[in-house]
Amino acid sequence: MAKIIIDKQIADLRRKKGITQEQLAVAMNVSSQAVSKWESGV
């Protein structure tokens, strides 16, 4: 259950900041595909 909450929080916080998955990926030095996987729970 915690995984679902974390996935949702990542997406919600990113949207509140008004940044794209790509921008978050660059800031964290990961791929945009990684951010997408985090948000989808993969």
PDB file of N, CA and C in Angstrom:
ATOM      1  N   MET A   1       0.819  -1.206   0.000  1.00  0.00           N
ATOM      2  CA  MET A   1       0.000   0.000   0.000  1.00  0.00           C
ATOM      3  C   MET A   1       0.859   1.264   0.000  1.00  0.00           C
ATOM      4  N   ALA A   2       1.975   1.241   0.683  1.00  0.00           N
ATOM      5  CA  ALA A   2       2.835   2.421   0.745  1.00  0.00           C
ATOM      6  C   ALA A   2       3.334   2.817  -0.637  1.00  0.00           C
ATOM      7  N   LYS A   3       3.592   1.828  -1.492  1.00  0.00           N
ATOM      8  CA  LYS A   3       4.082   2.114  -2.833  1.00  0.00           C
ATOM      9  C   LYS A   3       3.088   2.971  -3.599  1.00  0.00           C
ATOM     10  N   ILE A   4       1.824   2.667  -3.488  1.00  0.00           N
ATOM     11  CA  ILE A   4       0.790   3.427  -4.181  1.00  0.00           C
ATOM     12  C   ILE A   4       0.791   4.874  -3.699  1.00  0.00           C
ATOM     13  N   ILE A   5       0.938   5.074  -2.422  1.00  0.00           N
ATOM     14  CA  ILE A   5       0.949   6.424  -1.861  1.00  0.00           C
ATOM     15  C   ILE A   5       2.164   7.200  -2.369  1.00  0.00           C
ATOM     16  N   ILE A   6       3.331   6.565  -2.396  1.00  0.00           N
ATOM     17  CA  ILE A   6       4.543   7.234  -2.865  1.00  0.00           C
ATOM     18  C   ILE A   6       4.415   7.598  -4.337  1.00  0.00           C
ATOM     19  N   ASP A   7       3.902   6.667  -5.141  1.00  0.00           N
ATOM     20  CA  ASP A   7       3.713   6.947  -6.565  1.00  0.00           C
ATOM     21  C   ASP A   7       2.851   8.180  -6.762  1.00  0.00           C
ATOM     22  N   LYS A   8       1.738   8.219  -6.045  1.00  0.00           N
ATOM     23  CA  LYS A   8       0.798   9.335  -6.170  1.00  0.00           C
ATOM     24  C   LYS A   8       1.440  10.633  -5.676  1.00  0.00           C
ATOM     25  N   GLN A   9       2.208  10.558  -4.608  1.00  0.00           N
ATOM     26  CA  GLN A   9       2.841  11.756  -4.066  1.00  0.00           C
ATOM     27  C   GLN A   9       3.857  12.347  -5.035  1.00  0.00           C
ATOM     28  N   ILE A  10       4.640  11.493  -5.663  1.00  0.00           N
ATOM     29  CA  ILE A  10       5.621  11.993  -6.633  1.00  0.00           C
ATOM     30  C   ILE A  10       4.911  12.769  -7.733  1.00  0.00           C
ATOM     31  N   ALA A  11       3.869  12.162  -8.298  1.00  0.00           N
ATOM     32  CA  ALA A  11       3.131  12.810  -9.382  1.00  0.00           C
ATOM     33  C   ALA A  11       2.442  14.089  -8.907  1.00  0.00           C
ATOM     34  N   ASP A  12       1.804  14.036  -7.748  1.00  0.00           N
ATOM     35  CA  ASP A  12       1.090  15.212  -7.235  1.00  0.00           C
ATOM     36  C   ASP A  12       2.034  16.371  -6.944  1.00  0.00           C
ATOM     37  N   LEU A  13       3.144  16.091  -6.298  1.00  0.00           N
ATOM     38  CA  LEU A  13       4.096  17.151  -5.971  1.00  0.00           C
ATOM     39  C   LEU A  13       4.721  17.750  -7.223  1.00  0.00           C
ATOM     40  N   ARG A  14       5.011  16.896  -8.206  1.00  0.00           N
ATOM     41  CA  ARG A  14       5.575  17.390  -9.458  1.00  0.00           C
ATOM     42  C   ARG A  14       4.583  18.324 -10.152  1.00  0.00           C
ATOM     43  N   ARG A  15       3.331  17.927 -10.188  1.00  0.00           N
ATOM     44  CA  ARG A  15       2.305  18.765 -10.828  1.00  0.00           C
ATOM     45  C   ARG A  15       2.095  20.075 -10.071  1.00  0.00           C
ATOM     46  N   LYS A  16       2.115  20.025  -8.734  1.00  0.00           N
ATOM     47  CA  LYS A  16       1.958  21.249  -7.938  1.00  0.00           C
ATOM     48  C   LYS A  16       3.080  22.242  -8.212  1.00  0.00           C
ATOM     49  N   LYS A  17       4.280  21.713  -8.443  1.00  0.00           N
ATOM     50  CA  LYS A  17       5.421  22.578  -8.766  1.00  0.00           C
ATOM     51  C   LYS A  17       5.369  23.072 -10.203  1.00  0.00           C
ATOM     52  N   GLY A  18       4.510  22.446 -11.011  1.00  0.00           N
ATOM     53  CA  GLY A  18       4.361  22.867 -12.397  1.00  0.00           C
ATOM     54  C   GLY A  18       5.520  22.473 -13.284  1.00  0.00           C
ATOM     55  N   ILE A  19       6.137  21.325 -12.976  1.00  0.00           N
ATOM     56  CA  ILE A  19       7.248  20.875 -13.802  1.00  0.00           C
ATOM     57  C   ILE A  19       6.874  19.574 -14.519  1.00  0.00           C
ATOM     58  N   THR A  20       7.539  19.337 -15.623  1.00  0.00           N
ATOM     59  CA  THR A  20       7.297  18.131 -16.404  1.00  0.00           C
ATOM     60  C   THR A  20       8.130  16.976 -15.846  1.00  0.00           C
ATOM     61  N   GLN A  21       7.808  15.787 -16.317  1.00  0.00           N
ATOM     62  CA  GLN A  21       8.615  14.629 -15.944  1.00  0.00           C
ATOM     63  C   GLN A  21      10.051  14.815 -16.428  1.00  0.00           C
ATOM     64  N   GLU A  22      10.208  15.383 -17.593  1.00  0.00           N
ATOM     65  CA  GLU A  22      11.546  15.618 -18.146  1.00  0.00           C
ATOM     66  C   GLU A  22      12.339  16.576 -17.259  1.00  0.00           C
ATOM     67  N   GLN A  23      11.712  17.654 -16.800  1.00  0.00           N
ATOM     68  CA  GLN A  23      12.402  18.618 -15.945  1.00  0.00           C
ATOM     69  C   GLN A  23      12.802  17.978 -14.614  1.00  0.00           C
ATOM     70  N   LEU A  24      11.918  17.169 -14.054  1.00  0.00           N
ATOM     71  CA  LEU A  24      12.248  16.473 -12.810  1.00  0.00           C
ATOM     72  C   LEU A  24      13.404  15.503 -13.037  1.00  0.00           C
ATOM     73  N   ALA A  25      13.375  14.813 -14.158  1.00  0.00           N
ATOM     74  CA  ALA A  25      14.436  13.863 -14.484  1.00  0.00           C
ATOM     75  C   ALA A  25      15.787  14.557 -14.582  1.00  0.00           C
ATOM     76  N   VAL A  26      15.829  15.691 -15.249  1.00  0.00           N
ATOM     77  CA  VAL A  26      17.084  16.444 -15.386  1.00  0.00           C
ATOM     78  C   VAL A  26      17.574  16.893 -14.006  1.00  0.00           C
ATOM     79  N   ALA A  27      16.669  17.387 -13.177  1.00  0.00           N
ATOM     80  CA  ALA A  27      17.048  17.862 -11.843  1.00  0.00           C
ATOM     81  C   ALA A  27      17.587  16.727 -10.966  1.00  0.00           C
ATOM     82  N   MET A  28      17.095  15.512 -11.193  1.00  0.00           N
ATOM     83  CA  MET A  28      17.513  14.368 -10.385  1.00  0.00           C
ATOM     84  C   MET A  28      18.576  13.516 -11.075  1.00  0.00           C
ATOM     85  N   ASN A  29      18.978  13.942 -12.278  1.00  0.00           N
ATOM     86  CA  ASN A  29      20.003  13.233 -13.048  1.00  0.00           C
ATOM     87  C   ASN A  29      19.609  11.782 -13.334  1.00  0.00           C
ATOM     88  N   VAL A  30      18.340  11.602 -13.735  1.00  0.00           N
ATOM     89  CA  VAL A  30      17.832  10.296 -14.161  1.00  0.00           C
ATOM     90  C   VAL A  30      17.112  10.486 -15.487  1.00  0.00           C
ATOM     91  N   SER A  31      16.671   9.398 -16.087  1.00  0.00           N
ATOM     92  CA  SER A  31      15.944   9.509 -17.357  1.00  0.00           C
ATOM     93  C   SER A  31      14.478   9.856 -17.100  1.00  0.00           C
ATOM     94  N   SER A  32      13.843  10.445 -18.098  1.00  0.00           N
ATOM     95  CA  SER A  32      12.421  10.750 -17.970  1.00  0.00           C
ATOM     96  C   SER A  32      11.610   9.458 -17.895  1.00  0.00           C
ATOM     97  N   GLN A  33      12.128   8.381 -18.480  1.00  0.00           N
ATOM     98  CA  GLN A  33      11.468   7.088 -18.391  1.00  0.00           C
ATOM     99  C   GLN A  33      11.453   6.591 -16.944  1.00  0.00           C
ATOM    100  N   ALA A  34      12.507   6.875 -16.192  1.00  0.00           N
ATOM    101  CA  ALA A  34      12.560   6.483 -14.779  1.00  0.00           C
ATOM    102  C   ALA A  34      11.467   7.198 -13.998  1.00  0.00           C
ATOM    103  N   VAL A  35      11.303   8.484 -14.233  1.00  0.00           N
ATOM    104  CA  VAL A  35      10.272   9.252 -13.539  1.00  0.00           C
ATOM    105  C   VAL A  35       8.897   8.693 -13.897  1.00  0.00           C
ATOM    106  N   SER A  36       8.684   8.390 -15.150  1.00  0.00           N
ATOM    107  CA  SER A  36       7.418   7.815 -15.587  1.00  0.00           C
ATOM    108  C   SER A  36       7.148   6.491 -14.871  1.00  0.00           C
ATOM    109  N   LYS A  37       8.155   5.667 -14.755  1.00  0.00           N
ATOM    110  CA  LYS A  37       8.001   4.378 -14.064  1.00  0.00           C
ATOM    111  C   LYS A  37       7.686   4.586 -12.592  1.00  0.00           C
ATOM    112  N   TRP A  38       8.335   5.543 -11.960  1.00  0.00           N
ATOM    113  CA  TRP A  38       8.060   5.816 -10.540  1.00  0.00           C
ATOM    114  C   TRP A  38       6.592   6.199 -10.372  1.00  0.00           C
ATOM    115  N   GLU A  39       6.123   7.083 -11.239  1.00  0.00           N
ATOM    116  CA  GLU A  39       4.760   7.594 -11.116  1.00  0.00           C
ATOM    117  C   GLU A  39       3.713   6.538 -11.458  1.00  0.00           C
ATOM    118  N   SER A  40       4.082   5.574 -12.286  1.00  0.00           N
ATOM    119  CA  SER A  40       3.123   4.531 -12.651  1.00  0.00           C
ATOM    120  C   SER A  40       3.258   3.299 -11.766  1.00  0.00           C
ATOM    121  N   GLY A  41       4.223   3.306 -10.877  1.00  0.00           N
ATOM    122  CA  GLY A  41       4.383   2.205  -9.938  1.00  0.00           C
ATOM    123  C   GLY A  41       5.112   1.001 -10.486  1.00  0.00           C
ATOM    124  N   VAL A  42       5.835   1.205 -11.571  1.00  0.00           N
ATOM    125  CA  VAL A  42       6.583   0.087 -12.181  1.00  0.00           C
ATOM    126  C   VAL A  42       7.917  -0.058 -11.474  1.00  0.00           C
TER     127      VAL A  42
END
